[in-house]
Amino acid sequence: NNNNNNNNNNNNNDTDDDEYEYLRHMDRPTLADVMKHNHGTLQLQPMGHVQSIYRLCVGTPRQGLLAPHARGRIHLSNKDAVQGLEGYSHVWILFVFHLNTLPRRRTKVPLKIAPPA
């Protein structure tokens, strides 16, 4: 299965080059340029997943420094994605709550994480 993922990643790199061809003429393209080209949307692709001892939000510490036993681990699906990272002092990790439940009815109220009970 890992071989299939690696092959897919290699194929995606070729199409990514073509996909961003319109940026090559720009001196310093920005994320805003990409979004403008994509009609205001930003497409994200997962680089991995986080593993933690907590399965649900209930009981998960809000401030990790106050719970030193609350360790997590990031498992990368493509190690090449962080190539050159050692040249930076900090990293911002963006995440999506992919197990968050959706409301039964469509609503304009944004989804929220319930506070601990």
Protein backbone atom coordinates (compact mmCIF):
# COMPACT_ATOMS: atom_id res chain seq x y z
CA ASN A 1 0.00 0.00 0.00
CA ASN A 2 2.89 2.39 0.74
CA ASN A 3 4.23 1.80 -2.76
CA ASN A 4 0.93 2.90 -4.23
CA ASN A 5 0.99 6.07 -2.11
CA ASN A 6 4.53 6.85 -3.20
CA ASN A 7 3.63 6.35 -6.84
CA ASN A 8 0.60 8.60 -6.44
CA ASN A 9 2.73 11.26 -4.75
CA ASN A 10 5.24 11.15 -7.59
CA ASN A 11 2.48 11.48 -10.16
CA ASN A 12 0.95 14.37 -8.23
CA ASN A 13 4.25 16.25 -8.31
CA ASP A 14 4.18 16.23 -12.11
CA THR A 15 0.65 17.60 -12.23
CA ASP A 16 1.42 20.15 -9.51
CA ASP A 17 4.12 21.63 -11.74
CA ASP A 18 1.59 22.02 -14.56
CA GLU A 19 -1.10 23.25 -12.18
CA TYR A 20 1.03 26.17 -11.02
CA GLU A 21 2.47 27.06 -14.43
CA TYR A 22 0.55 30.38 -14.35
CA LEU A 23 2.68 31.46 -11.35
CA ARG A 24 6.02 31.10 -13.17
CA HIS A 25 5.83 34.58 -14.73
CA MET A 26 5.34 36.24 -11.31
CA ASP A 27 8.39 37.45 -9.40
CA ARG A 28 7.11 36.49 -5.93
CA PRO A 29 3.67 34.86 -6.12
CA THR A 30 1.60 34.85 -2.95
CA LEU A 31 -1.08 32.60 -1.55
CA ALA A 32 -3.56 35.32 -2.53
CA ASP A 33 -2.46 34.87 -6.18
CA VAL A 34 -3.17 31.14 -6.00
CA MET A 35 -6.58 31.73 -4.42
CA LYS A 36 -7.48 34.38 -7.00
CA HIS A 37 -6.66 31.92 -9.77
CA ASN A 38 -8.79 29.25 -8.03
CA HIS A 39 -11.87 31.48 -7.63
CA GLY A 40 -11.23 32.23 -3.97
CA THR A 41 -10.65 28.67 -2.84
CA LEU A 42 -7.66 27.07 -1.20
CA GLN A 43 -7.14 23.36 -1.62
CA LEU A 44 -5.33 21.46 1.14
CA GLN A 45 -3.89 17.98 1.00
CA PRO A 46 -3.06 16.03 4.15
CA MET A 47 0.61 15.46 4.93
CA GLY A 48 -0.06 13.06 7.78
CA HIS A 49 -2.08 12.59 10.92
CA VAL A 50 -1.77 13.25 14.63
CA GLN A 51 -1.85 10.40 17.11
CA SER A 52 -2.74 11.11 20.72
CA ILE A 53 -3.84 9.24 23.81
CA TYR A 54 -7.14 11.14 23.59
CA ARG A 55 -9.84 9.78 21.31
CA LEU A 56 -12.55 12.35 22.10
CA CYS A 57 -12.47 16.07 22.85
CA VAL A 58 -14.12 15.45 26.23
CA GLY A 59 -11.32 15.15 28.77
CA THR A 60 -8.63 16.42 26.41
CA PRO A 61 -6.58 19.18 28.11
CA ARG A 62 -7.04 22.63 26.58
CA GLN A 63 -3.56 23.71 27.61
CA GLY A 64 -1.05 20.99 26.95
CA LEU A 65 1.67 22.56 29.10
CA LEU A 66 -0.52 21.98 32.17
CA ALA A 67 -0.72 18.25 31.35
CA PRO A 68 2.84 17.06 30.67
CA HIS A 69 1.66 13.45 30.19
CA ALA A 70 -0.53 14.56 27.27
CA ARG A 71 1.86 13.84 24.42
CA GLY A 72 0.99 13.52 20.78
CA ARG A 73 2.87 12.47 17.69
CA ILE A 74 2.68 13.59 14.07
CA HIS A 75 2.97 10.78 11.53
CA LEU A 76 3.92 12.08 8.09
CA SER A 77 2.66 10.29 5.01
CA ASN A 78 5.37 11.86 2.83
CA LYS A 79 8.70 12.63 4.52
CA ASP A 80 9.82 14.73 1.52
CA ALA A 81 7.14 17.28 2.44
CA VAL A 82 9.34 18.59 5.28
CA GLN A 83 12.60 18.64 3.35
CA GLY A 84 14.53 21.79 4.29
CA LEU A 85 12.52 22.34 7.48
CA GLU A 86 15.66 22.26 9.62
CA GLY A 87 16.47 25.75 8.31
CA TYR A 88 13.58 27.27 10.27
CA SER A 89 13.21 27.97 13.98
CA HIS A 90 9.43 27.43 14.23
CA VAL A 91 6.68 25.50 12.49
CA TRP A 92 2.97 26.24 12.33
CA ILE A 93 0.87 23.11 12.23
CA LEU A 94 -2.55 23.51 10.64
CA PHE A 95 -5.10 20.83 11.29
CA VAL A 96 -8.67 19.88 10.56
CA PHE A 97 -10.99 18.19 13.02
CA HIS A 98 -11.84 15.44 10.54
CA LEU A 99 -13.85 13.45 13.11
CA ASN A 100 -16.05 16.41 14.09
CA THR A 101 -19.69 15.48 13.57
CA LEU A 102 -21.87 17.41 11.17
CA PRO A 103 -25.24 18.81 12.22
CA ARG A 104 -28.29 16.79 11.20
CA ARG A 105 -29.74 19.84 9.46
CA ARG A 106 -27.83 22.43 7.49
CA THR A 107 -27.41 25.51 9.60
CA LYS A 108 -25.57 28.80 9.29
CA VAL A 109 -24.20 28.41 12.80
CA PRO A 110 -20.55 27.26 12.65
CA LEU A 111 -19.65 23.98 14.27
CA LYS A 112 -18.05 24.24 17.69
CA ILE A 113 -16.12 21.95 19.96
CA ALA A 114 -18.07 21.25 23.12
CA PRO A 115 -16.36 22.31 26.34
CA PRO A 116 -15.34 19.52 28.69
CA ALA A 117 -18.13 18.21 30.90
